[in-house]
């Protein structure tokens, strides 16, 4: 037995039922937006643009429409709009929260026939990349962005899976040992670290080279 691998097939002790969000179908797409134009808030003038960060895309509320396809049993037409949240840093450390251009999707996905009470969930995951250096044009922020998209159809089911038993005892937590703030009083009160100042008293006559 390989002692470096705590989980091996010979260690399977039982099969257990778990509740899980099973992915019934998934597909990928990508979107390029070469001319994203972001208008600043009223009264704000951008002198420079700092970091631009993106969050995972979301399906716009009310935009999801699922239509079963009679000619293709167990498949449905899935329509929705994806919004990509973006945060732009600008003057004086302030930020602007907005979204990229809307991304409409109209695709066909596998959705097997099921009881009325079973709900399929359409999930999107995105990765957005800045494709060029943002510029300021006409008072607006202009840049290009590329979006990788993975779309999934998921549903909660009960699955039978092999089990190795409960997880082994975890390793001991690593304590943070970064820079500890200096105790200024401790340093000051230590005679060896903070000697008595030589210039505590003003200089005496014999200590100063007095010239007439």
N, C-alpha and C. Protein backbone atom coordinates (compact mmCIF):
# COMPACT_ATOMS: atom_id res chain seq x y z
N UNK A 1 0.83 -1.19 0.00
CA UNK A 1 0.00 0.00 0.00
C UNK A 1 0.87 1.25 0.00
N UNK A 2 0.48 2.23 -0.81
CA UNK A 2 1.21 3.48 -0.86
C UNK A 2 0.80 4.34 0.33
N UNK A 3 1.72 4.51 1.28
CA UNK A 3 1.40 5.24 2.50
C UNK A 3 1.23 6.73 2.25
N UNK A 4 1.69 7.22 1.09
CA UNK A 4 1.53 8.64 0.78
C UNK A 4 0.13 8.96 0.27
N UNK A 5 -0.65 7.96 -0.07
CA UNK A 5 -2.01 8.16 -0.57
C UNK A 5 -2.99 7.62 0.44
N UNK A 6 -3.68 8.51 1.20
CA UNK A 6 -4.59 8.03 2.25
C UNK A 6 -5.85 7.38 1.72
N UNK A 7 -6.14 7.55 0.42
CA UNK A 7 -7.36 6.99 -0.14
C UNK A 7 -7.01 6.02 -1.27
N UNK A 8 -7.30 4.77 -1.09
CA UNK A 8 -7.08 3.76 -2.11
C UNK A 8 -8.33 2.89 -2.22
N UNK A 9 -8.49 2.27 -3.39
CA UNK A 9 -9.70 1.48 -3.62
C UNK A 9 -9.88 0.39 -2.58
N UNK A 10 -8.79 -0.18 -2.09
CA UNK A 10 -8.90 -1.25 -1.10
C UNK A 10 -9.46 -0.74 0.23
N UNK A 11 -9.45 0.59 0.40
CA UNK A 11 -9.91 1.16 1.67
C UNK A 11 -11.41 1.46 1.68
N UNK A 12 -12.09 1.24 0.54
CA UNK A 12 -13.53 1.51 0.49
C UNK A 12 -14.25 0.58 1.46
N UNK A 13 -15.00 1.16 2.38
CA UNK A 13 -15.67 0.37 3.40
C UNK A 13 -17.15 0.20 3.16
N UNK A 14 -17.76 1.13 2.40
CA UNK A 14 -19.20 1.06 2.20
C UNK A 14 -19.60 1.97 1.05
N UNK A 15 -20.86 1.90 0.68
CA UNK A 15 -21.45 2.84 -0.26
C UNK A 15 -22.47 3.66 0.51
N UNK A 16 -22.48 4.95 0.23
CA UNK A 16 -23.37 5.84 0.98
C UNK A 16 -24.18 6.69 0.01
N UNK A 17 -25.33 7.15 0.48
CA UNK A 17 -26.17 8.05 -0.30
C UNK A 17 -25.90 9.48 0.14
N UNK A 18 -25.69 10.36 -0.85
CA UNK A 18 -25.47 11.77 -0.54
C UNK A 18 -26.40 12.61 -1.40
N UNK A 19 -26.71 13.80 -0.92
CA UNK A 19 -27.44 14.78 -1.72
C UNK A 19 -26.42 15.66 -2.42
N UNK A 20 -26.57 15.79 -3.74
CA UNK A 20 -25.59 16.57 -4.51
C UNK A 20 -26.28 17.27 -5.67
N UNK A 21 -25.68 18.36 -6.12
CA UNK A 21 -26.18 19.05 -7.32
C UNK A 21 -25.50 18.40 -8.52
N UNK A 22 -26.20 17.51 -9.15
CA UNK A 22 -25.65 16.79 -10.30
C UNK A 22 -25.73 17.67 -11.54
N UNK A 23 -24.64 17.70 -12.31
CA UNK A 23 -24.62 18.43 -13.57
C UNK A 23 -25.11 17.49 -14.66
N UNK A 24 -26.27 17.82 -15.24
CA UNK A 24 -26.84 17.00 -16.30
C UNK A 24 -26.31 17.38 -17.68
N UNK A 25 -25.89 18.62 -17.84
CA UNK A 25 -25.36 19.08 -19.13
C UNK A 25 -24.53 20.32 -18.89
N UNK A 26 -23.53 20.52 -19.74
CA UNK A 26 -22.75 21.75 -19.68
C UNK A 26 -22.13 22.02 -21.04
N UNK A 27 -21.86 23.28 -21.29
CA UNK A 27 -21.25 23.67 -22.55
C UNK A 27 -20.49 24.97 -22.33
N UNK A 28 -19.64 25.32 -23.29
CA UNK A 28 -18.83 26.52 -23.14
C UNK A 28 -19.04 27.46 -24.32
N UNK A 29 -18.73 28.73 -24.06
CA UNK A 29 -18.79 29.76 -25.10
C UNK A 29 -17.84 30.86 -24.69
N UNK A 30 -17.60 31.78 -25.60
CA UNK A 30 -16.77 32.93 -25.26
C UNK A 30 -17.31 34.16 -25.97
N UNK A 31 -17.08 35.29 -25.34
CA UNK A 31 -17.60 36.56 -25.84
C UNK A 31 -16.48 37.59 -25.82
N UNK A 32 -16.32 38.32 -26.93
CA UNK A 32 -15.34 39.40 -26.99
C UNK A 32 -16.06 40.73 -27.13
N UNK A 33 -15.72 41.65 -26.26
CA UNK A 33 -16.30 43.00 -26.31
C UNK A 33 -15.16 43.99 -26.55
N UNK A 34 -14.91 44.35 -27.83
CA UNK A 34 -13.75 45.19 -28.15
C UNK A 34 -13.89 46.65 -27.74
N UNK A 35 -15.12 47.12 -27.55
CA UNK A 35 -15.33 48.54 -27.25
C UNK A 35 -16.31 48.70 -26.09
N UNK A 36 -15.82 48.43 -24.89
CA UNK A 36 -16.63 48.67 -23.70
C UNK A 36 -16.45 50.14 -23.30
N UNK A 37 -17.54 50.87 -23.24
CA UNK A 37 -17.49 52.29 -22.88
C UNK A 37 -18.24 52.48 -21.56
N UNK A 38 -17.52 52.93 -20.54
CA UNK A 38 -18.11 53.14 -19.21
C UNK A 38 -18.16 54.64 -18.94
N UNK A 39 -19.35 55.15 -18.70
CA UNK A 39 -19.51 56.56 -18.39
C UNK A 39 -19.33 56.79 -16.89
N UNK A 40 -18.54 57.79 -16.52
CA UNK A 40 -18.34 58.07 -15.09
C UNK A 40 -19.61 58.63 -14.47
N UNK A 41 -19.71 58.60 -13.14
CA UNK A 41 -20.85 59.21 -12.47
C UNK A 41 -20.91 60.71 -12.76
N UNK A 42 -22.08 61.27 -12.65
CA UNK A 42 -22.26 62.70 -12.91
C UNK A 42 -21.35 63.54 -12.01
N UNK A 43 -20.62 64.44 -12.64
CA UNK A 43 -19.75 65.33 -11.88
C UNK A 43 -18.37 64.78 -11.60
N UNK A 44 -18.09 63.55 -12.03
CA UNK A 44 -16.78 62.94 -11.78
C UNK A 44 -15.95 62.98 -13.06
N UNK A 45 -14.74 63.50 -12.95
CA UNK A 45 -13.81 63.52 -14.08
C UNK A 45 -12.66 62.57 -13.80
N UNK A 46 -12.43 61.64 -14.73
CA UNK A 46 -11.36 60.66 -14.55
C UNK A 46 -10.05 61.24 -15.05
N UNK A 47 -9.05 61.30 -14.18
CA UNK A 47 -7.71 61.68 -14.60
C UNK A 47 -6.86 60.46 -14.93
N UNK A 48 -7.17 59.36 -14.26
CA UNK A 48 -6.44 58.12 -14.48
C UNK A 48 -7.33 56.95 -14.08
N UNK A 49 -6.98 55.78 -14.58
CA UNK A 49 -7.75 54.57 -14.28
C UNK A 49 -6.85 53.57 -13.58
N UNK A 50 -7.30 53.08 -12.43
CA UNK A 50 -6.53 52.08 -11.69
C UNK A 50 -6.92 50.68 -12.11
N UNK A 51 -6.76 49.73 -11.20
CA UNK A 51 -7.09 48.34 -11.53
C UNK A 51 -8.57 48.15 -11.89
N UNK A 52 -8.82 47.24 -12.81
CA UNK A 52 -10.18 46.85 -13.18
C UNK A 52 -10.33 45.38 -12.83
N UNK A 53 -11.33 45.06 -12.03
CA UNK A 53 -11.55 43.67 -11.61
C UNK A 53 -12.97 43.23 -12.00
N UNK A 54 -13.12 41.93 -12.21
CA UNK A 54 -14.39 41.37 -12.64
C UNK A 54 -14.87 40.32 -11.63
N UNK A 55 -16.18 40.18 -11.54
CA UNK A 55 -16.78 39.13 -10.72
C UNK A 55 -17.48 38.12 -11.63
N UNK A 56 -17.87 36.99 -11.04
CA UNK A 56 -18.53 35.96 -11.83
C UNK A 56 -19.83 36.50 -12.43
N UNK A 57 -20.08 36.14 -13.68
CA UNK A 57 -21.29 36.59 -14.34
C UNK A 57 -22.55 36.04 -13.69
N UNK A 58 -23.64 36.76 -13.84
CA UNK A 58 -24.93 36.34 -13.28
C UNK A 58 -25.99 36.41 -14.36
N UNK A 59 -26.97 35.53 -14.25
CA UNK A 59 -28.10 35.57 -15.17
C UNK A 59 -29.05 36.68 -14.71
N UNK A 60 -29.32 37.59 -15.61
CA UNK A 60 -30.17 38.74 -15.26
C UNK A 60 -31.54 38.26 -14.80
N UNK A 61 -32.00 38.82 -13.71
CA UNK A 61 -33.30 38.45 -13.17
C UNK A 61 -34.41 38.65 -14.20
N UNK A 62 -35.23 37.63 -14.36
CA UNK A 62 -36.36 37.70 -15.28
C UNK A 62 -36.04 37.41 -16.73
N UNK A 63 -34.76 37.16 -17.03
CA UNK A 63 -34.39 36.95 -18.43
C UNK A 63 -34.38 35.48 -18.85
N UNK A 64 -34.43 34.57 -17.87
CA UNK A 64 -34.32 33.14 -18.19
C UNK A 64 -35.64 32.59 -18.72
N UNK A 65 -35.59 32.01 -19.93
CA UNK A 65 -36.76 31.38 -20.54
C UNK A 65 -36.36 29.99 -21.02
N UNK A 66 -37.06 28.97 -20.55
CA UNK A 66 -36.78 27.58 -20.93
C UNK A 66 -37.97 27.05 -21.71
N UNK A 67 -37.71 26.59 -22.94
CA UNK A 67 -38.78 26.11 -23.80
C UNK A 67 -38.45 24.70 -24.27
N UNK A 68 -39.20 23.69 -23.82
CA UNK A 68 -38.96 22.32 -24.30
C UNK A 68 -39.12 22.23 -25.82
N UNK A 69 -38.29 21.39 -26.44
CA UNK A 69 -38.33 21.22 -27.90
C UNK A 69 -39.05 19.92 -28.23
N UNK A 70 -40.27 20.01 -28.77
CA UNK A 70 -41.02 18.78 -29.08
C UNK A 70 -40.29 17.87 -30.06
N UNK A 71 -39.56 18.47 -31.00
CA UNK A 71 -38.86 17.67 -32.00
C UNK A 71 -37.60 17.02 -31.46
N UNK A 72 -37.17 17.44 -30.25
CA UNK A 72 -35.98 16.85 -29.62
C UNK A 72 -36.30 16.54 -28.17
N UNK A 73 -36.87 15.38 -27.91
CA UNK A 73 -37.24 15.01 -26.53
C UNK A 73 -36.04 15.12 -25.59
N UNK A 74 -36.30 15.62 -24.39
CA UNK A 74 -35.29 15.78 -23.34
C UNK A 74 -34.32 16.93 -23.61
N UNK A 75 -34.60 17.75 -24.60
CA UNK A 75 -33.80 18.94 -24.86
C UNK A 75 -34.70 20.17 -24.81
N UNK A 76 -34.09 21.29 -24.41
CA UNK A 76 -34.86 22.54 -24.31
C UNK A 76 -34.05 23.70 -24.88
N UNK A 77 -34.79 24.67 -25.38
CA UNK A 77 -34.18 25.93 -25.77
C UNK A 77 -34.05 26.79 -24.52
N UNK A 78 -32.85 27.30 -24.26
CA UNK A 78 -32.59 28.05 -23.04
C UNK A 78 -32.11 29.44 -23.45
N UNK A 79 -32.86 30.46 -23.03
CA UNK A 79 -32.53 31.84 -23.36
C UNK A 79 -32.34 32.64 -22.08
N UNK A 80 -31.31 33.46 -22.06
CA UNK A 80 -31.07 34.31 -20.90
C UNK A 80 -30.04 35.38 -21.26
N UNK A 81 -29.85 36.33 -20.35
CA UNK A 81 -28.88 37.40 -20.51
C UNK A 81 -27.90 37.34 -19.35
N UNK A 82 -26.61 37.40 -19.68
CA UNK A 82 -25.56 37.38 -18.66
C UNK A 82 -25.03 38.79 -18.44
N UNK A 83 -24.95 39.18 -17.18
CA UNK A 83 -24.32 40.44 -16.81
C UNK A 83 -23.01 40.13 -16.08
N UNK A 84 -21.95 40.83 -16.47
CA UNK A 84 -20.64 40.64 -15.84
C UNK A 84 -20.34 41.86 -14.96
N UNK A 85 -20.38 41.72 -13.63
CA UNK A 85 -20.04 42.85 -12.76
C UNK A 85 -18.57 43.24 -12.91
N UNK A 86 -18.30 44.52 -12.90
CA UNK A 86 -16.94 45.03 -13.02
C UNK A 86 -16.76 46.18 -12.04
N UNK A 87 -15.59 46.24 -11.42
CA UNK A 87 -15.24 47.32 -10.50
C UNK A 87 -14.04 48.06 -11.05
N UNK A 88 -14.18 49.37 -11.22
CA UNK A 88 -13.12 50.20 -11.77
C UNK A 88 -12.63 51.17 -10.70
N UNK A 89 -11.32 51.20 -10.49
CA UNK A 89 -10.73 52.16 -9.55
C UNK A 89 -10.38 53.43 -10.31
N UNK A 90 -10.70 54.58 -9.70
CA UNK A 90 -10.38 55.84 -10.35
C UNK A 90 -9.85 56.83 -9.32
N UNK A 91 -10.07 58.12 -9.54
CA UNK A 91 -9.43 59.16 -8.73
C UNK A 91 -9.59 58.96 -7.23
N UNK A 92 -8.51 59.29 -6.50
CA UNK A 92 -8.54 59.34 -5.03
C UNK A 92 -8.96 58.02 -4.40
N UNK A 93 -8.66 56.92 -5.05
CA UNK A 93 -8.95 55.61 -4.48
C UNK A 93 -10.42 55.23 -4.52
N UNK A 94 -11.28 56.02 -5.16
CA UNK A 94 -12.69 55.68 -5.26
C UNK A 94 -12.89 54.59 -6.32
N UNK A 95 -14.03 53.92 -6.24
CA UNK A 95 -14.32 52.84 -7.19
C UNK A 95 -15.70 53.03 -7.80
N UNK A 96 -15.86 52.48 -8.97
CA UNK A 96 -17.13 52.51 -9.69
C UNK A 96 -17.56 51.08 -9.97
N UNK A 97 -18.72 50.68 -9.47
CA UNK A 97 -19.27 49.35 -9.72
C UNK A 97 -20.28 49.44 -10.86
N UNK A 98 -20.04 48.66 -11.91
CA UNK A 98 -20.92 48.68 -13.07
C UNK A 98 -20.92 47.28 -13.70
N UNK A 99 -21.38 47.16 -14.92
CA UNK A 99 -21.41 45.88 -15.62
C UNK A 99 -20.92 46.08 -17.05
N UNK A 100 -20.43 44.98 -17.64
CA UNK A 100 -20.06 45.01 -19.04
C UNK A 100 -21.33 45.04 -19.90
N UNK A 101 -21.14 45.07 -21.20
CA UNK A 101 -22.28 44.99 -22.10
C UNK A 101 -23.01 43.68 -21.86
N UNK A 102 -24.34 43.66 -21.94
CA UNK A 102 -25.10 42.42 -21.71
C UNK A 102 -24.72 41.35 -22.74
N UNK A 103 -24.69 40.10 -22.28
CA UNK A 103 -24.36 38.97 -23.15
C UNK A 103 -25.60 38.10 -23.31
N UNK A 104 -26.33 38.19 -24.42
CA UNK A 104 -27.51 37.35 -24.61
C UNK A 104 -27.11 35.95 -25.08
N UNK A 105 -27.75 34.93 -24.53
CA UNK A 105 -27.49 33.55 -24.95
C UNK A 105 -28.81 32.90 -25.35
N UNK A 106 -28.75 32.13 -26.43
CA UNK A 106 -29.91 31.39 -26.94
C UNK A 106 -29.38 30.04 -27.39
N UNK A 107 -29.44 29.03 -26.51
CA UNK A 107 -28.78 27.76 -26.75
C UNK A 107 -29.73 26.59 -26.52
N UNK A 108 -29.31 25.42 -26.94
CA UNK A 108 -30.05 24.18 -26.71
C UNK A 108 -29.27 23.34 -25.70
N UNK A 109 -29.96 22.88 -24.64
CA UNK A 109 -29.29 22.10 -23.61
C UNK A 109 -30.13 20.89 -23.23
N UNK A 110 -29.45 19.86 -22.79
CA UNK A 110 -30.10 18.62 -22.36
C UNK A 110 -30.79 18.84 -21.02
N UNK A 111 -32.12 18.63 -21.01
CA UNK A 111 -32.90 18.70 -19.79
C UNK A 111 -33.88 17.53 -19.80
N UNK A 112 -33.50 16.40 -19.23
CA UNK A 112 -34.36 15.21 -19.31
C UNK A 112 -35.72 15.44 -18.67
N UNK A 113 -36.70 14.75 -19.21
CA UNK A 113 -38.06 14.86 -18.68
C UNK A 113 -38.07 14.37 -17.24
N UNK A 114 -38.75 15.09 -16.38
CA UNK A 114 -38.79 14.74 -14.97
C UNK A 114 -40.15 15.12 -14.40
N UNK A 115 -40.36 14.73 -13.16
CA UNK A 115 -41.61 15.08 -12.48
C UNK A 115 -41.70 16.59 -12.33
N UNK A 116 -42.92 17.07 -12.18
CA UNK A 116 -43.15 18.51 -12.11
C UNK A 116 -42.44 19.16 -10.92
N UNK A 117 -42.28 18.38 -9.84
CA UNK A 117 -41.69 18.97 -8.63
C UNK A 117 -40.17 19.11 -8.71
N UNK A 118 -39.56 18.46 -9.69
CA UNK A 118 -38.10 18.52 -9.81
C UNK A 118 -37.71 19.78 -10.58
N UNK A 119 -36.80 20.54 -10.02
CA UNK A 119 -36.40 21.80 -10.65
C UNK A 119 -34.97 21.72 -11.16
N UNK A 120 -34.81 22.02 -12.44
CA UNK A 120 -33.48 22.18 -13.00
C UNK A 120 -33.01 23.61 -12.77
N UNK A 121 -31.71 23.76 -12.57
CA UNK A 121 -31.12 25.07 -12.33
C UNK A 121 -30.10 25.36 -13.43
N UNK A 122 -30.21 26.52 -14.04
CA UNK A 122 -29.24 26.94 -15.04
C UNK A 122 -28.19 27.79 -14.34
N UNK A 123 -26.93 27.39 -14.47
CA UNK A 123 -25.83 28.04 -13.76
C UNK A 123 -24.81 28.54 -14.78
N UNK A 124 -24.26 29.71 -14.54
CA UNK A 124 -23.18 30.21 -15.39
C UNK A 124 -21.95 30.48 -14.53
N UNK A 125 -20.80 30.16 -15.09
CA UNK A 125 -19.52 30.51 -14.50
C UNK A 125 -18.72 31.23 -15.56
N UNK A 126 -18.04 32.29 -15.16
CA UNK A 126 -17.31 33.09 -16.14
C UNK A 126 -15.91 33.39 -15.65
N UNK A 127 -15.06 33.66 -16.63
CA UNK A 127 -13.73 34.22 -16.36
C UNK A 127 -13.54 35.34 -17.37
N UNK A 128 -13.35 36.56 -16.87
CA UNK A 128 -13.25 37.73 -17.74
C UNK A 128 -11.83 38.27 -17.70
N UNK A 129 -11.31 38.61 -18.86
CA UNK A 129 -9.95 39.11 -18.97
C UNK A 129 -9.94 40.47 -19.66
N UNK A 130 -9.10 41.35 -19.16
CA UNK A 130 -8.89 42.65 -19.79
C UNK A 130 -7.95 42.43 -20.98
N UNK A 131 -8.37 42.86 -22.18
CA UNK A 131 -7.62 42.57 -23.39
C UNK A 131 -6.71 43.70 -23.84
N UNK A 132 -6.83 44.87 -23.25
CA UNK A 132 -5.93 45.97 -23.60
C UNK A 132 -5.84 46.93 -22.43
N UNK A 133 -5.08 47.98 -22.62
CA UNK A 133 -4.93 49.01 -21.57
C UNK A 133 -6.08 50.00 -21.67
N UNK A 134 -6.82 50.20 -20.59
CA UNK A 134 -7.94 51.16 -20.63
C UNK A 134 -7.45 52.57 -20.96
N UNK A 135 -8.26 53.28 -21.70
CA UNK A 135 -7.95 54.68 -22.02
C UNK A 135 -9.13 55.55 -21.63
N UNK A 136 -8.88 56.85 -21.53
CA UNK A 136 -9.94 57.81 -21.26
C UNK A 136 -10.21 58.56 -22.56
N UNK A 137 -11.42 58.45 -23.06
CA UNK A 137 -11.79 59.08 -24.33
C UNK A 137 -13.12 59.81 -24.15
N UNK A 138 -13.11 61.12 -24.37
CA UNK A 138 -14.34 61.90 -24.23
C UNK A 138 -14.92 61.85 -22.84
N UNK A 139 -14.06 61.68 -21.85
CA UNK A 139 -14.53 61.61 -20.46
C UNK A 139 -15.00 60.24 -20.05
N UNK A 140 -14.98 59.26 -20.96
CA UNK A 140 -15.40 57.90 -20.66
C UNK A 140 -14.20 56.97 -20.57
N UNK A 141 -14.39 55.84 -19.89
CA UNK A 141 -13.36 54.81 -19.83
C UNK A 141 -13.66 53.79 -20.92
N UNK A 142 -12.65 53.52 -21.76
CA UNK A 142 -12.83 52.61 -22.89
C UNK A 142 -11.80 51.50 -22.79
N UNK A 143 -12.26 50.27 -22.93
CA UNK A 143 -11.34 49.12 -22.92
C UNK A 143 -12.00 47.94 -23.63
N UNK A 144 -11.23 46.88 -23.79
CA UNK A 144 -11.74 45.65 -24.41
C UNK A 144 -11.68 44.52 -23.38
N UNK A 145 -12.67 43.64 -23.44
CA UNK A 145 -12.73 42.52 -22.48
C UNK A 145 -13.13 41.24 -23.21
N UNK A 146 -12.57 40.14 -22.74
CA UNK A 146 -12.94 38.82 -23.26
C UNK A 146 -13.50 37.97 -22.13
N UNK A 147 -14.58 37.25 -22.42
CA UNK A 147 -15.27 36.49 -21.38
C UNK A 147 -15.35 35.01 -21.78
N UNK A 148 -14.81 34.14 -20.95
CA UNK A 148 -15.00 32.69 -21.09
C UNK A 148 -16.23 32.31 -20.27
N UNK A 149 -17.12 31.52 -20.85
CA UNK A 149 -18.39 31.20 -20.18
C UNK A 149 -18.60 29.69 -20.17
N UNK A 150 -18.97 29.15 -19.03
CA UNK A 150 -19.40 27.77 -18.91
C UNK A 150 -20.82 27.79 -18.38
N UNK A 151 -21.74 27.14 -19.13
CA UNK A 151 -23.15 27.09 -18.74
C UNK A 151 -23.51 25.66 -18.36
N UNK A 152 -24.27 25.52 -17.29
CA UNK A 152 -24.59 24.20 -16.76
C UNK A 152 -26.07 24.07 -16.46
N UNK A 153 -26.56 22.84 -16.61
CA UNK A 153 -27.90 22.48 -16.14
C UNK A 153 -27.69 21.52 -14.97
N UNK A 154 -28.17 21.90 -13.80
CA UNK A 154 -27.94 21.10 -12.60
C UNK A 154 -29.24 20.87 -11.86
N UNK A 155 -29.26 19.82 -11.05
CA UNK A 155 -30.42 19.52 -10.23
C UNK A 155 -29.99 18.69 -9.03
N UNK A 156 -30.65 18.90 -7.90
CA UNK A 156 -30.28 18.16 -6.69
C UNK A 156 -30.87 16.77 -6.73
N UNK A 157 -30.00 15.78 -6.56
CA UNK A 157 -30.41 14.39 -6.58
C UNK A 157 -29.73 13.65 -5.44
N UNK A 158 -30.17 12.41 -5.25
CA UNK A 158 -29.54 11.54 -4.27
C UNK A 158 -28.64 10.57 -5.03
N UNK A 159 -27.34 10.58 -4.72
CA UNK A 159 -26.38 9.74 -5.42
C UNK A 159 -25.79 8.68 -4.50
N UNK A 160 -25.55 7.50 -5.05
CA UNK A 160 -24.88 6.43 -4.33
C UNK A 160 -23.41 6.47 -4.72
N UNK A 161 -22.54 6.66 -3.73
CA UNK A 161 -21.11 6.77 -4.02
C UNK A 161 -20.32 5.88 -3.07
N UNK A 162 -19.16 5.37 -3.54
CA UNK A 162 -18.30 4.60 -2.63
C UNK A 162 -17.70 5.52 -1.58
N UNK A 163 -17.54 5.02 -0.38
CA UNK A 163 -17.04 5.84 0.71
C UNK A 163 -15.82 5.20 1.35
N UNK A 164 -14.89 6.03 1.76
CA UNK A 164 -13.70 5.58 2.46
C UNK A 164 -13.87 5.74 3.97
N UNK A 165 -15.08 6.04 4.40
CA UNK A 165 -15.30 6.35 5.80
C UNK A 165 -15.14 7.84 6.02
N UNK A 166 -15.07 8.24 7.28
CA UNK A 166 -14.92 9.66 7.58
C UNK A 166 -13.51 10.14 7.24
N UNK A 167 -13.39 11.40 7.05
CA UNK A 167 -12.09 11.98 6.70
C UNK A 167 -11.12 11.79 7.85
N UNK A 168 -9.83 11.61 7.54
CA UNK A 168 -8.84 11.44 8.60
C UNK A 168 -8.67 12.72 9.40
N UNK A 169 -8.03 12.56 10.54
CA UNK A 169 -7.77 13.73 11.38
C UNK A 169 -6.96 14.75 10.60
N UNK A 170 -7.40 16.00 10.61
CA UNK A 170 -6.67 17.02 9.84
C UNK A 170 -5.34 17.36 10.47
N UNK A 171 -4.46 17.94 9.65
CA UNK A 171 -3.17 18.38 10.15
C UNK A 171 -3.35 19.58 11.08
N UNK A 172 -2.36 19.81 11.90
CA UNK A 172 -2.42 20.94 12.82
C UNK A 172 -2.38 22.25 12.04
N UNK A 173 -3.16 23.22 12.48
CA UNK A 173 -3.19 24.51 11.81
C UNK A 173 -1.83 25.21 11.92
N UNK A 174 -1.48 25.92 10.87
CA UNK A 174 -0.24 26.70 10.87
C UNK A 174 -0.53 28.08 11.45
N UNK A 175 0.18 28.42 12.48
CA UNK A 175 0.01 29.72 13.11
C UNK A 175 0.70 30.79 12.27
N UNK A 176 0.04 31.93 12.16
CA UNK A 176 0.63 33.04 11.42
C UNK A 176 1.79 33.63 12.20
N UNK A 177 2.94 33.71 11.57
CA UNK A 177 4.13 34.23 12.24
C UNK A 177 4.72 35.41 11.47
N UNK A 178 3.85 36.22 10.90
CA UNK A 178 4.31 37.38 10.14
C UNK A 178 4.87 38.45 11.06
N UNK A 179 5.01 39.62 10.53
CA UNK A 179 5.58 40.73 11.29
C UNK A 179 4.67 41.10 12.46
N UNK A 180 5.24 41.08 13.64
CA UNK A 180 4.50 41.44 14.85
C UNK A 180 4.75 42.91 15.15
N UNK A 181 3.69 43.68 15.38
CA UNK A 181 3.91 45.10 15.69
C UNK A 181 4.85 45.29 16.87
N UNK A 182 5.79 46.20 16.74
CA UNK A 182 6.78 46.43 17.79
C UNK A 182 6.12 47.08 19.00
N UNK A 183 6.48 46.56 20.17
CA UNK A 183 6.02 47.16 21.42
C UNK A 183 6.97 48.30 21.75
N UNK A 184 6.56 49.50 21.42
CA UNK A 184 7.46 50.65 21.57
C UNK A 184 7.82 50.90 23.03
N UNK A 185 6.88 50.63 23.95
CA UNK A 185 7.17 50.85 25.36
C UNK A 185 8.20 49.86 25.87
N UNK A 186 8.06 48.60 25.42
CA UNK A 186 9.02 47.58 25.87
C UNK A 186 10.42 47.94 25.41
N UNK A 187 10.52 48.41 24.17
CA UNK A 187 11.83 48.82 23.65
C UNK A 187 12.37 50.02 24.42
N UNK A 188 11.50 50.98 24.70
CA UNK A 188 11.94 52.20 25.37
C UNK A 188 12.39 51.91 26.80
N UNK A 189 11.69 51.01 27.49
CA UNK A 189 12.00 50.74 28.89
C UNK A 189 13.21 49.83 29.07
N UNK A 190 13.68 49.21 27.99
CA UNK A 190 14.84 48.32 28.06
C UNK A 190 16.12 49.16 28.00
N UNK A 191 16.91 49.12 29.08
CA UNK A 191 18.10 49.96 29.15
C UNK A 191 19.12 49.58 28.08
N UNK A 192 19.12 48.32 27.67
CA UNK A 192 20.11 47.89 26.67
C UNK A 192 19.71 48.33 25.26
N UNK A 193 18.41 48.37 24.99
CA UNK A 193 17.96 48.77 23.67
C UNK A 193 17.84 50.28 23.52
N UNK A 194 17.53 50.95 24.61
CA UNK A 194 17.41 52.41 24.57
C UNK A 194 18.28 53.00 25.66
N UNK A 195 19.55 53.27 25.36
CA UNK A 195 20.45 53.85 26.38
C UNK A 195 20.06 55.28 26.72
N UNK A 196 20.53 55.72 27.87
CA UNK A 196 20.25 57.09 28.30
C UNK A 196 20.87 58.06 27.30
N UNK A 197 20.14 59.07 26.86
CA UNK A 197 20.67 59.99 25.84
C UNK A 197 21.84 60.82 26.36
N UNK A 198 22.88 60.88 25.55
CA UNK A 198 24.05 61.63 25.96
C UNK A 198 23.79 63.14 25.98
N UNK A 199 22.82 63.58 25.23
CA UNK A 199 22.54 65.02 25.19
C UNK A 199 21.36 65.39 26.08
N UNK A 200 21.15 64.59 27.14
CA UNK A 200 20.04 64.88 28.05
C UNK A 200 20.21 66.26 28.67
N UNK A 201 21.47 66.58 29.09
CA UNK A 201 21.77 67.89 29.65
C UNK A 201 22.46 68.73 28.57
N UNK A 202 22.29 70.05 28.67
CA UNK A 202 23.00 70.91 27.71
C UNK A 202 24.50 70.81 27.94
N UNK A 203 25.30 71.04 26.91
CA UNK A 203 26.76 70.93 27.06
C UNK A 203 27.32 71.96 28.04
N UNK A 204 28.41 71.56 28.74
CA UNK A 204 29.08 72.46 29.66
C UNK A 204 30.12 73.29 28.91
N UNK A 205 30.63 74.27 29.62
CA UNK A 205 31.57 75.20 28.98
C UNK A 205 32.77 74.44 28.43
N UNK A 206 33.34 73.50 29.21
CA UNK A 206 34.54 72.81 28.81
C UNK A 206 34.29 71.81 27.68
N UNK A 207 33.01 71.52 27.44
CA UNK A 207 32.69 70.59 26.37
C UNK A 207 32.51 71.28 25.03
N UNK A 208 32.45 72.60 25.05
CA UNK A 208 32.21 73.34 23.83
C UNK A 208 33.46 74.12 23.45
N UNK A 209 33.84 74.04 22.21
CA UNK A 209 35.01 74.76 21.75
C UNK A 209 34.62 76.23 21.51
N UNK A 210 34.81 77.03 22.55
CA UNK A 210 34.40 78.43 22.46
C UNK A 210 35.56 79.26 21.90
N UNK A 211 35.30 79.99 20.92
CA UNK A 211 36.29 80.86 20.30
C UNK A 211 35.82 82.30 20.39
N UNK A 212 36.75 83.12 20.79
CA UNK A 212 36.44 84.54 20.95
C UNK A 212 36.67 85.23 19.61
